[in-house]
Amino acid sequence: MRVLMFGWEFPPHISGGLGTACYGLTKGLHSVGVNDILFVVPKAYGDEDATKVNIIDAGEIVVSDRIVDYKSFFQKMRFIEVGSSIRPYASPEEYENLTEAERAGVKYLVQSSFSGKLSFSGGYGQNLFQEIANYAVVASVIAYQQKFDIIHAHDWLAYPAGIAAKMISGKPLVVHVHATDFDRSGGSVNPSVYQIEKAGMEAADKVIAVSNLTRNIIIEKYGISPDKVVTVHNAVEPLNNGELKFAERYINDKIVTFLGRVTLQKGPEYFIEAAHLVLQKMKNVRFVMAGSGDMLNRMIGRVAALKIGHRFHFTGFLKGDDVHHMFSLSDVYVMPSISEPFGISPLEAMQSNVPVIISRQSGVSEILHHAIKVDFWDTHAMADAIYGILKYEGLPNMFKKHARLEVDNLKWEHAADKVKNIYQSLLN
């Protein structure tokens, strides 16, 4: 079985959990026998771990195209000249007409205005929508050139690429929903993003949701048939005791950590309000906000307004060993997300023997038992949980004893086995 997989990032070049999840899943698929994966990224840097996948750099694919009107995704999209009359951006009716015309011997020529390689930043900048369109263009060429059995597209950035590959090849398409714009925006969805997400889900033969929380959103907000949507919970890369990082502590204070994007979805303001409540009862505690995002300056301002800056630290974005370093310093990890499709970071904290507090509005709360769960908006309950773990020694000891065993059983191989079964069901 050969899988053509589209993502937007791959470790070590990541901006959040999406790249980490793609990496874990591909390794898990390799371990369960799906060991022929073509993983396409907009921009490859050359240092990606390609031991379990074949990395394809979209920026190295030669294409030839012209600008045309394509209403389904963008007002302007590109058709590709790939030596065939099949055009990747056509309605089902147009596709059928083209196919019939080809059978009748009628040839359609595309007048090209561009030939060469498309440039990708591989990031999330101002030209994101253009890069998504260009990525779909390249996907058409790859789908025409490569042989594969199934297509797997991760998150909305890659859905147009997955659709284009399906239209060229006719192979089954699986879209993997790691988050929806309802999660990212707090309900104020971007209409363009919503349309891309909905089109991807509708075009897919199967939709994978990372939690039942996300599955319900897909069904209720996007109108996708429940029979088509399957939940496959994420997992975490195994970490043995030799890999645990124990940093030397130069202070006696307790440390409570928030680690994630400082955005509306992650609920950073609730963490700060809970911190303020805890500091009214305890003085020997410091709070750390590790991450970056569009709300960072507001959060710094709020900490200053509450006059707790001497007990609050902002580290900026952390990844790799810096994440494990931060967890080794932490006494409590808090994830107060407003809407979290899954949430891998609590699992990483538990691997480092750190007690975790998570919001009930997270997918990971569906599978974790040895974690304290609170509503994201209930800052008093959050503060009480933080205080209890810091104050009473038996509570963190209990969590440390059982949580590590629980998280060690959440393996990517288990998630990959479910995904493999989805592949086989479509191929059969």
Protein backbone atom coordinates (compact mmCIF):
# COMPACT_ATOMS: atom_id res chain seq x y z
CA MET A 1 0.00 0.00 0.00
CA ARG A 2 1.42 3.37 -1.05
CA VAL A 3 0.07 6.55 0.57
CA LEU A 4 0.35 10.05 -0.88
CA MET A 5 0.20 12.30 2.19
CA PHE A 6 -0.05 16.08 2.23
CA GLY A 7 0.93 18.14 5.27
CA TRP A 8 2.12 21.66 5.93
CA GLU A 9 5.04 21.05 8.28
CA PHE A 10 7.28 18.22 9.44
CA PRO A 11 9.71 18.08 12.39
CA PRO A 12 12.01 19.64 13.28
CA HIS A 13 10.31 22.58 11.51
CA ILE A 14 7.03 22.96 13.39
CA SER A 15 4.90 25.74 14.82
CA GLY A 16 2.61 23.58 16.94
CA GLY A 17 1.00 20.18 17.34
CA LEU A 18 0.14 19.54 13.67
CA GLY A 19 3.68 18.68 12.58
CA THR A 20 4.25 16.64 15.72
CA ALA A 21 1.08 14.61 15.09
CA CYS A 22 2.00 14.00 11.43
CA TYR A 23 5.42 12.77 12.51
CA GLY A 24 4.02 10.42 15.16
CA LEU A 25 1.35 9.02 12.85
CA THR A 26 3.76 8.32 9.99
CA LYS A 27 6.12 6.49 12.34
CA GLY A 28 3.17 4.54 13.72
CA LEU A 29 1.98 3.63 10.22
CA HIS A 30 5.45 2.38 9.37
CA SER A 31 5.40 0.11 12.44
CA VAL A 32 2.05 -1.45 11.43
CA GLY A 33 3.14 -2.21 7.89
CA VAL A 34 2.23 0.95 5.97
CA ASN A 35 5.84 1.72 5.15
CA ASP A 36 5.55 3.38 1.74
CA ILE A 37 4.50 6.97 2.43
CA LEU A 38 5.17 9.94 0.16
CA PHE A 39 4.92 12.95 2.49
CA VAL A 40 4.59 16.26 0.66
CA VAL A 41 5.40 19.59 2.35
CA PRO A 42 5.35 23.06 0.78
CA LYS A 43 8.97 23.61 1.77
CA ALA A 44 11.53 21.01 2.83
CA TYR A 45 14.73 22.08 4.60
CA GLY A 46 16.72 18.90 4.14
CA ASP A 47 17.03 17.98 7.81
CA GLU A 48 13.63 16.33 8.22
CA ASP A 49 13.62 12.81 9.67
CA ALA A 50 12.97 10.85 6.49
CA THR A 51 13.74 7.41 7.92
CA LYS A 52 10.07 6.35 7.82
CA VAL A 53 8.75 8.52 4.96
CA ASN A 54 9.84 9.86 1.59
CA ILE A 55 9.77 13.66 1.82
CA ILE A 56 8.69 15.54 -1.32
CA ASP A 57 9.47 19.25 -1.49
CA ALA A 58 6.62 20.97 -3.36
CA GLY A 59 8.96 23.81 -4.25
CA GLU A 60 11.09 21.44 -6.31
CA ILE A 61 8.27 20.25 -8.56
CA VAL A 62 8.24 21.76 -12.05
CA VAL A 63 4.79 22.94 -13.18
CA SER A 64 3.21 24.87 -16.04
CA ASP A 65 -0.02 26.78 -15.51
CA ARG A 66 -2.33 29.66 -16.27
CA ILE A 67 -4.70 31.72 -14.11
CA VAL A 68 -8.39 30.76 -14.37
CA ASP A 69 -11.58 31.39 -12.47
CA TYR A 70 -12.37 28.67 -9.91
CA LYS A 71 -15.20 29.57 -7.57
CA SER A 72 -15.08 26.55 -5.28
CA PHE A 73 -12.03 27.70 -3.36
CA PHE A 74 -10.63 31.01 -4.54
CA GLN A 75 -11.65 33.59 -7.08
CA LYS A 76 -8.35 32.88 -8.81
CA MET A 77 -6.83 29.44 -9.02
CA ARG A 78 -4.41 27.75 -11.36
CA PHE A 79 -4.90 24.96 -13.86
CA ILE A 80 -1.95 22.70 -14.53
CA GLU A 81 -0.60 21.47 -17.81
CA VAL A 82 0.41 17.87 -17.15
CA GLY A 83 0.20 16.35 -20.62
CA SER A 84 -3.44 15.38 -20.17
CA SER A 85 -6.83 16.90 -20.86
CA ILE A 86 -7.83 16.22 -17.26
CA ARG A 87 -7.88 19.50 -15.38
CA PRO A 88 -7.53 19.43 -11.58
CA TYR A 89 -9.88 22.35 -10.88
CA ALA A 90 -13.10 21.43 -12.61
CA SER A 91 -16.62 20.79 -11.39
CA PRO A 92 -17.88 17.19 -11.55
CA GLU A 93 -19.89 18.14 -14.65
CA GLU A 94 -16.88 19.75 -16.34
CA TYR A 95 -14.72 16.76 -15.40
CA GLU A 96 -17.23 14.37 -16.95
CA ASN A 97 -17.43 16.50 -20.12
CA LEU A 98 -13.64 16.56 -20.39
CA THR A 99 -13.45 12.81 -19.95
CA GLU A 100 -16.13 12.22 -22.60
CA ALA A 101 -14.37 14.62 -24.97
CA GLU A 102 -11.09 12.79 -24.45
CA ARG A 103 -12.76 9.48 -25.30
CA ALA A 104 -14.12 11.11 -28.47
CA GLY A 105 -10.65 12.23 -29.47
CA VAL A 106 -11.13 15.95 -28.75
CA LYS A 107 -7.99 17.52 -27.26
CA TYR A 108 -8.01 20.52 -24.92
CA LEU A 109 -4.89 22.64 -24.85
CA VAL A 110 -3.92 24.90 -21.95
CA GLN A 111 -2.20 28.12 -22.99
CA SER A 112 0.56 28.43 -20.39
CA SER A 113 1.78 31.71 -18.94
CA PHE A 114 4.14 30.13 -16.42
CA SER A 115 6.62 27.30 -16.43
CA GLY A 116 9.00 26.37 -13.65
CA LYS A 117 8.95 25.89 -9.89
CA LEU A 118 6.58 27.61 -7.48
CA SER A 119 8.10 29.21 -4.41
CA PHE A 120 6.84 28.39 -0.91
CA SER A 121 7.71 30.01 2.39
CA GLY A 122 6.34 26.99 4.24
CA GLY A 123 4.96 29.34 6.88
CA TYR A 124 1.69 31.07 7.77
CA GLY A 125 2.26 34.56 6.39
CA GLN A 126 0.25 37.10 4.42
CA ASN A 127 0.41 35.02 1.24
CA LEU A 128 -1.00 31.91 2.91
CA PHE A 129 -4.03 31.56 0.63
CA GLN A 130 -1.89 31.93 -2.48
CA GLU A 131 0.51 29.31 -1.16
CA ILE A 132 -2.40 26.94 -0.45
CA ALA A 133 -3.56 27.45 -4.05
CA ASN A 134 -0.04 26.87 -5.38
CA TYR A 135 0.27 23.78 -3.19
CA ALA A 136 -2.84 22.35 -4.82
CA VAL A 137 -1.30 23.12 -8.20
CA VAL A 138 1.80 21.11 -7.33
CA ALA A 139 -0.37 18.31 -5.89
CA SER A 140 -1.95 17.89 -9.32
CA VAL A 141 1.44 17.38 -10.92
CA ILE A 142 2.59 14.96 -8.22
CA ALA A 143 -0.63 12.97 -8.53
CA TYR A 144 -0.10 12.72 -12.27
CA GLN A 145 3.54 11.66 -11.97
CA GLN A 146 3.43 9.29 -8.98
CA LYS A 147 1.80 5.92 -8.41
CA PHE A 148 -0.09 5.49 -5.12
CA ASP A 149 -3.17 3.82 -3.66
CA ILE A 150 -4.67 6.39 -1.31
CA ILE A 151 -4.46 10.12 -0.51
CA HIS A 152 -4.27 11.51 3.03
CA ALA A 153 -4.47 15.29 3.62
CA HIS A 154 -3.77 16.85 7.02
CA ASP A 155 -5.80 19.90 8.06
CA TRP A 156 -7.41 22.61 5.92
CA LEU A 157 -4.14 23.92 4.48
CA ALA A 158 -3.70 20.64 2.60
CA TYR A 159 -7.33 19.89 1.69
CA PRO A 160 -7.19 21.65 -1.73
CA ALA A 161 -4.05 19.63 -2.51
CA GLY A 162 -5.86 16.43 -1.53
CA ILE A 163 -8.86 17.31 -3.68
CA ALA A 164 -6.66 18.13 -6.68
CA ALA A 165 -4.80 14.82 -6.29
CA LYS A 166 -8.09 12.93 -6.11
CA MET A 167 -9.45 14.64 -9.23
CA ILE A 168 -6.31 13.76 -11.19
CA SER A 169 -5.94 10.18 -9.94
CA GLY A 170 -9.40 9.05 -8.90
CA LYS A 171 -7.88 7.51 -5.77
CA PRO A 172 -9.71 7.58 -2.38
CA LEU A 173 -9.16 10.68 -0.25
CA VAL A 174 -8.89 10.76 3.54
CA VAL A 175 -8.88 14.16 5.23
CA HIS A 176 -7.55 14.40 8.76
CA VAL A 177 -9.14 17.12 10.89
CA HIS A 178 -6.69 18.21 13.58
CA ALA A 179 -8.68 21.41 14.24
CA THR A 180 -11.52 23.39 12.71
CA ASP A 181 -11.86 27.14 12.38
CA PHE A 182 -14.54 26.95 15.10
CA ASP A 183 -11.72 25.87 17.45
CA ARG A 184 -9.18 28.43 16.27
CA SER A 185 -11.54 31.41 16.14
CA GLY A 186 -13.76 30.76 19.13
CA GLY A 187 -16.77 30.61 16.81
CA SER A 188 -16.07 33.68 14.65
CA VAL A 189 -15.08 31.64 11.63
CA ASN A 190 -13.29 32.96 8.58
CA PRO A 191 -15.72 32.27 5.69
CA SER A 192 -12.90 31.43 3.27
CA VAL A 193 -11.32 28.95 5.69
CA TYR A 194 -14.72 27.44 6.46
CA GLN A 195 -15.43 26.90 2.77
CA ILE A 196 -12.08 25.16 2.25
CA GLU A 197 -12.67 22.94 5.29
CA LYS A 198 -16.20 22.06 4.19
CA ALA A 199 -15.15 21.35 0.61
CA GLY A 200 -12.35 19.08 1.84
CA MET A 201 -14.67 17.13 4.11
CA GLU A 202 -17.31 16.79 1.39
CA ALA A 203 -14.78 15.62 -1.19
CA ALA A 204 -13.25 13.06 1.20
CA ASP A 205 -14.20 9.41 1.20
CA LYS A 206 -13.47 9.33 4.95
CA VAL A 207 -12.93 12.07 7.51
CA ILE A 208 -10.69 11.39 10.51
CA ALA A 209 -11.38 13.47 13.62
CA VAL A 210 -8.83 13.61 16.44
CA SER A 211 -11.55 13.46 19.11
CA ASN A 212 -15.28 12.98 19.57
CA LEU A 213 -15.46 16.70 20.36
CA THR A 214 -14.11 17.44 16.87
CA ARG A 215 -16.28 14.74 15.29
CA ASN A 216 -19.41 16.42 16.67
CA ILE A 217 -18.32 19.79 15.27
CA ILE A 218 -17.71 18.22 11.84
CA ILE A 219 -21.18 16.67 11.81
CA GLU A 220 -23.10 19.60 13.31
CA LYS A 221 -21.28 22.62 11.87
CA TYR A 222 -20.22 21.26 8.47
CA GLY A 223 -23.16 18.95 7.75
CA ILE A 224 -21.03 15.86 7.11
CA SER A 225 -22.70 12.45 7.39
CA PRO A 226 -21.88 10.69 10.70
CA ASP A 227 -21.18 7.48 8.76
CA LYS A 228 -18.29 9.21 7.06
CA VAL A 229 -16.54 10.58 10.17
CA VAL A 230 -14.29 8.37 12.30
CA THR A 231 -12.55 9.34 15.56
CA VAL A 232 -8.89 8.40 15.94
CA HIS A 233 -7.35 9.92 19.06
CA ASN A 234 -3.78 11.19 18.87
CA ALA A 235 -0.93 9.75 20.92
CA VAL A 236 2.55 10.76 22.01
CA GLU A 237 6.08 9.73 21.09
CA PRO A 238 7.47 7.31 23.72
CA LEU A 239 10.03 8.77 26.09
CA ASN A 240 12.26 6.49 28.13
CA ASN A 241 13.76 7.45 31.47
CA GLY A 242 17.15 8.05 29.88
CA GLU A 243 15.63 10.77 27.69
CA LEU A 244 14.06 12.68 30.58
CA LYS A 245 15.69 16.05 31.04
CA PHE A 246 16.25 17.08 34.65
CA ALA A 247 17.27 20.72 34.77
CA GLU A 248 18.94 22.15 37.83
CA ARG A 249 16.68 24.49 39.76
CA TYR A 250 18.15 27.61 41.30
CA ILE A 251 15.00 28.65 43.15
CA ASN A 252 12.84 26.98 45.77
CA ASP A 253 9.58 28.32 44.37
CA LYS A 254 7.00 26.05 42.79
CA ILE A 255 6.56 26.46 39.03
CA VAL A 256 3.23 26.31 37.17
CA THR A 257 3.44 26.19 33.37
CA PHE A 258 1.25 27.06 30.40
CA LEU A 259 2.81 25.83 27.13
CA GLY A 260 1.15 26.48 23.81
CA ARG A 261 0.18 29.17 21.33
CA VAL A 262 -0.86 32.39 23.04
CA THR A 263 -4.10 32.64 21.10
CA LEU A 264 -7.82 32.79 21.85
CA GLN A 265 -8.24 29.03 21.36
CA LYS A 266 -5.72 28.16 24.08
CA GLY A 267 -7.33 30.27 26.83
CA PRO A 268 -4.20 32.07 28.13
CA GLU A 269 -6.25 34.76 29.87
CA TYR A 270 -7.89 32.14 32.13
CA PHE A 271 -4.48 30.87 33.15
CA ILE A 272 -3.48 34.40 34.19
CA GLU A 273 -6.68 34.96 36.17
CA ALA A 274 -6.19 31.63 37.96
CA ALA A 275 -2.57 32.57 38.68
CA HIS A 276 -3.76 35.81 40.28
CA LEU A 277 -6.10 33.87 42.55
CA VAL A 278 -3.39 31.39 43.58
CA LEU A 279 -0.92 34.18 44.38
CA GLN A 280 -3.41 35.60 46.87
CA LYS A 281 -2.96 32.38 48.89
CA MET A 282 0.61 31.33 48.10
CA LYS A 283 3.75 33.40 47.71
CA ASN A 284 6.34 30.73 46.86
CA VAL A 285 5.04 30.02 43.34
CA ARG A 286 5.97 31.29 39.88
CA PHE A 287 3.91 31.07 36.69
CA VAL A 288 5.38 30.56 33.23
CA MET A 289 3.67 31.24 29.90
CA ALA A 290 5.74 29.45 27.24
CA GLY A 291 4.61 30.27 23.73
CA SER A 292 3.96 33.00 21.21
CA GLY A 293 0.87 34.27 19.45
CA ASP A 294 -1.34 37.23 18.65
CA MET A 295 -2.52 37.63 22.25
CA LEU A 296 0.95 37.75 23.81
CA ASN A 297 1.15 41.54 24.23
CA ARG A 298 -2.34 41.64 25.74
CA MET A 299 -1.38 38.92 28.21
CA ILE A 300 1.76 40.79 29.23
CA GLY A 301 -0.40 43.87 29.76
CA ARG A 302 -2.89 41.92 31.87
CA VAL A 303 -0.12 40.51 34.08
CA ALA A 304 1.17 44.04 34.59
CA ALA A 305 -2.31 45.34 35.42
CA LEU A 306 -2.75 42.63 38.05
CA LYS A 307 0.67 43.53 39.49
CA ILE A 308 1.93 39.94 39.40
CA GLY A 309 4.79 40.49 36.96
CA HIS A 310 7.38 39.64 39.63
CA ARG A 311 5.84 36.15 39.76
CA PHE A 312 5.16 35.68 36.06
CA HIS A 313 7.54 34.78 33.23
CA PHE A 314 7.15 34.76 29.43
CA THR A 315 9.62 32.53 27.57
CA GLY A 316 8.48 32.81 23.95
CA PHE A 317 8.00 29.80 21.68
CA LEU A 318 9.67 26.56 22.80
CA LYS A 319 10.28 23.33 20.88
CA GLY A 320 12.34 20.15 21.06
CA ASP A 321 14.62 19.81 24.07
CA ASP A 322 13.50 23.20 25.40
CA VAL A 323 10.01 21.77 25.92
CA HIS A 324 11.34 18.83 27.97
CA HIS A 325 13.59 21.25 29.85
CA MET A 326 10.58 23.38 30.78
CA PHE A 327 8.58 20.36 31.92
CA SER A 328 11.49 19.19 34.08
CA LEU A 329 11.27 22.50 35.95
CA SER A 330 7.50 22.39 36.34
CA ASP A 331 5.43 21.27 39.30
CA VAL A 332 2.09 21.63 37.48
CA TYR A 333 1.09 21.91 33.83
CA VAL A 334 -2.15 23.69 32.91
CA MET A 335 -3.98 23.55 29.56
CA PRO A 336 -7.02 25.86 29.84
CA SER A 337 -8.07 25.64 26.16
CA ILE A 338 -11.45 27.04 25.15
CA SER A 339 -11.79 24.49 22.36
CA GLU A 340 -8.97 21.97 21.96
CA PRO A 341 -9.53 19.28 19.30
CA PHE A 342 -7.02 17.07 21.10
CA GLY A 343 -3.94 18.46 22.88
CA ILE A 344 -0.67 16.54 22.88
CA SER A 345 1.19 18.76 25.35
CA PRO A 346 -0.52 17.30 28.47
CA LEU A 347 0.72 13.87 27.39
CA GLU A 348 4.25 15.23 27.07
CA ALA A 349 3.98 16.76 30.53
CA MET A 350 2.75 13.47 32.01
CA GLN A 351 5.72 11.69 30.43
CA SER A 352 7.92 14.04 32.45
CA ASN A 353 6.02 13.13 35.64
CA VAL A 354 4.28 16.52 35.82
CA PRO A 355 0.68 16.57 37.14
CA VAL A 356 -1.67 18.14 34.62
CA ILE A 357 -4.83 20.23 34.76
CA ILE A 358 -6.82 20.28 31.51
CA SER A 359 -10.05 21.86 30.34
CA ARG A 360 -13.08 19.68 29.85
CA GLN A 361 -13.37 21.36 26.45
CA SER A 362 -10.46 19.33 25.07
CA GLY A 363 -10.31 16.10 23.12
CA VAL A 364 -7.57 14.67 25.31
CA SER A 365 -9.94 14.81 28.30
CA GLU A 366 -11.91 12.02 26.60
CA ILE A 367 -9.10 9.53 27.13
CA LEU A 368 -7.18 10.73 30.21
CA HIS A 369 -8.16 9.55 33.67
CA HIS A 370 -5.24 10.70 35.81
CA ALA A 371 -5.60 14.40 35.17
CA ILE A 372 -7.66 17.10 36.86
CA LYS A 373 -10.40 18.40 34.54
CA VAL A 374 -12.04 21.81 34.88
CA ASP A 375 -14.16 24.04 32.67
CA PHE A 376 -11.89 26.58 30.98
CA TRP A 377 -13.95 29.51 32.23
CA ASP A 378 -13.97 28.36 35.88
CA THR A 379 -10.83 30.13 37.05
CA HIS A 380 -11.67 29.48 40.71
CA ALA A 381 -11.78 25.71 40.12
CA MET A 382 -8.55 25.98 38.14
CA ALA A 383 -6.90 27.94 40.96
CA ASP A 384 -8.14 25.44 43.56
CA ALA A 385 -6.65 22.57 41.53
CA ILE A 386 -3.29 24.34 41.20
CA TYR A 387 -3.27 25.15 44.92
CA GLY A 388 -4.17 21.58 45.89
CA ILE A 389 -1.36 20.03 43.83
CA LEU A 390 1.20 22.52 45.17
CA LYS A 391 0.05 22.39 48.77
CA TYR A 392 -0.67 18.72 49.44
CA GLU A 393 2.16 16.32 48.61
CA GLY A 394 -0.01 13.21 48.32
CA LEU A 395 -1.95 14.61 45.36
CA PRO A 396 0.97 15.09 42.93
CA ASN A 397 2.50 11.80 44.09
CA MET A 398 -0.70 9.98 43.18
CA PHE A 399 -0.82 11.58 39.73
CA LYS A 400 2.85 10.86 39.07
CA LYS A 401 2.43 7.23 40.06
CA HIS A 402 -0.46 6.49 37.71
CA ALA A 403 -0.28 9.11 34.96
CA ARG A 404 3.05 7.99 33.47
CA LEU A 405 1.75 4.43 33.08
CA GLU A 406 -1.45 5.73 31.49
CA VAL A 407 0.32 7.93 28.95
CA ASP A 408 2.86 5.23 28.07
CA ASN A 409 -0.06 3.12 26.82
CA LEU A 410 -1.17 5.86 24.42
CA LYS A 411 0.96 4.76 21.48
CA TRP A 412 0.98 6.02 17.91
CA GLU A 413 0.93 2.39 16.78
CA HIS A 414 -2.61 2.07 18.15
CA ALA A 415 -3.76 5.20 16.29
CA ALA A 416 -1.96 4.08 13.15
CA ASP A 417 -3.63 0.68 13.23
CA LYS A 418 -7.04 2.40 13.13
CA VAL A 419 -5.93 4.60 10.24
CA LYS A 420 -4.62 1.54 8.38
CA ASN A 421 -8.04 -0.11 8.78
CA ILE A 422 -9.66 3.02 7.30
CA TYR A 423 -7.31 2.80 4.31
CA GLN A 424 -8.11 -0.87 3.78
CA SER A 425 -11.86 -0.31 4.04
CA LEU A 426 -11.65 2.27 1.24
CA LEU A 427 -9.41 0.13 -0.96
CA ASN A 428 -11.71 -2.86 -0.51
